[in-house]
Amino acid sequence: MAKQVRNTIRSARKEQNLQQDELAGVAGVGLRFIVDLEAGKPTAQIGKVLQVLQTLGCSVDILSPGERQ
C-alpha cells in the first residue's frame, strides 16, 4: 500500500505542476515529510498523509477485508 500512496502523491503533485516544497507549504507539512513520503518511508504519520492527499484533491476509501477488489 505504501507504494500506491507514494505513487499517487507524486503523480498528483506533478500533474498540478507543484514542486515538493510548494506542496509542503500548501499542505502545512515540512519539505522533509514530502520527500520521505514520496520515497516510501514506512513510518509516515497517517494524519499528515491524509492532509497531503486532501490538499491534492485525492480521496481515500477504507474497505473491510471482504470488500477488497
Protein backbone atom coordinates (compact mmCIF):
# COMPACT_ATOMS: atom_id res chain seq x y z
CA MET A 1 0.00 0.00 0.00
CA ALA A 2 2.81 2.44 0.78
CA LYS A 3 3.99 2.22 -2.82
CA GLN A 4 0.50 3.04 -4.13
CA VAL A 5 0.18 6.07 -1.82
CA ARG A 6 3.67 7.26 -2.74
CA ASN A 7 2.97 6.97 -6.46
CA THR A 8 -0.44 8.65 -6.16
CA ILE A 9 1.02 11.62 -4.28
CA ARG A 10 3.95 12.04 -6.66
CA SER A 11 1.72 11.77 -9.75
CA ALA A 12 -0.91 14.18 -8.44
CA ARG A 13 1.75 16.68 -7.41
CA LYS A 14 3.38 16.59 -10.83
CA GLU A 15 0.01 16.82 -12.64
CA GLN A 16 -0.66 20.00 -10.67
CA ASN A 17 2.81 21.36 -11.51
CA LEU A 18 3.80 21.61 -7.85
CA GLN A 19 7.33 21.28 -6.57
CA GLN A 20 7.79 19.30 -3.36
CA ASP A 21 8.40 22.46 -1.33
CA GLU A 22 5.27 24.08 -2.77
CA LEU A 23 3.14 21.07 -1.83
CA ALA A 24 4.62 21.08 1.65
CA GLY A 25 3.69 24.74 2.06
CA VAL A 26 0.08 24.44 0.93
CA ALA A 27 -0.43 21.17 2.85
CA GLY A 28 1.02 22.57 6.05
CA VAL A 29 3.76 19.97 6.40
CA GLY A 30 7.53 20.14 6.14
CA LEU A 31 9.50 19.58 2.97
CA ARG A 32 11.31 16.64 4.61
CA PHE A 33 7.92 14.98 5.18
CA ILE A 34 7.03 15.23 1.46
CA VAL A 35 10.46 13.95 0.43
CA ASP A 36 10.21 11.00 2.83
CA LEU A 37 6.61 10.32 1.84
CA GLU A 38 7.42 10.15 -1.86
CA ALA A 39 10.41 7.95 -1.05
CA GLY A 40 8.06 5.48 0.64
CA LYS A 41 9.12 5.96 4.26
CA PRO A 42 7.03 3.36 6.13
CA THR A 43 6.62 5.38 9.34
CA ALA A 44 4.84 8.45 7.94
CA GLN A 45 2.13 9.87 10.22
CA ILE A 46 -1.25 8.90 8.80
CA GLY A 47 -2.85 12.23 9.71
CA LYS A 48 -0.26 14.14 7.71
CA VAL A 49 -0.52 11.69 4.82
CA LEU A 50 -4.29 12.26 4.70
CA GLN A 51 -3.69 16.03 4.88
CA VAL A 52 -1.38 15.88 1.84
CA LEU A 53 -3.82 13.68 -0.09
CA GLN A 54 -6.69 16.06 0.69
CA THR A 55 -4.61 19.04 -0.43
CA LEU A 56 -4.03 17.30 -3.76
CA GLY A 57 -7.74 16.56 -4.14
CA CYS A 58 -7.38 12.82 -3.65
CA SER A 59 -9.87 10.70 -1.75
CA VAL A 60 -9.27 7.65 0.41
CA ASP A 61 -11.61 4.66 0.53
CA ILE A 62 -11.44 2.34 3.50
CA LEU A 63 -12.71 -1.16 2.76
CA SER A 64 -13.16 -4.13 5.02
CA PRO A 65 -11.22 -7.26 4.01
CA GLY A 66 -14.28 -8.74 2.29
CA GLU A 67 -14.74 -5.62 0.15
CA ARG A 68 -11.26 -5.54 -1.34
CA GLN A 69 -11.01 -5.70 -5.09
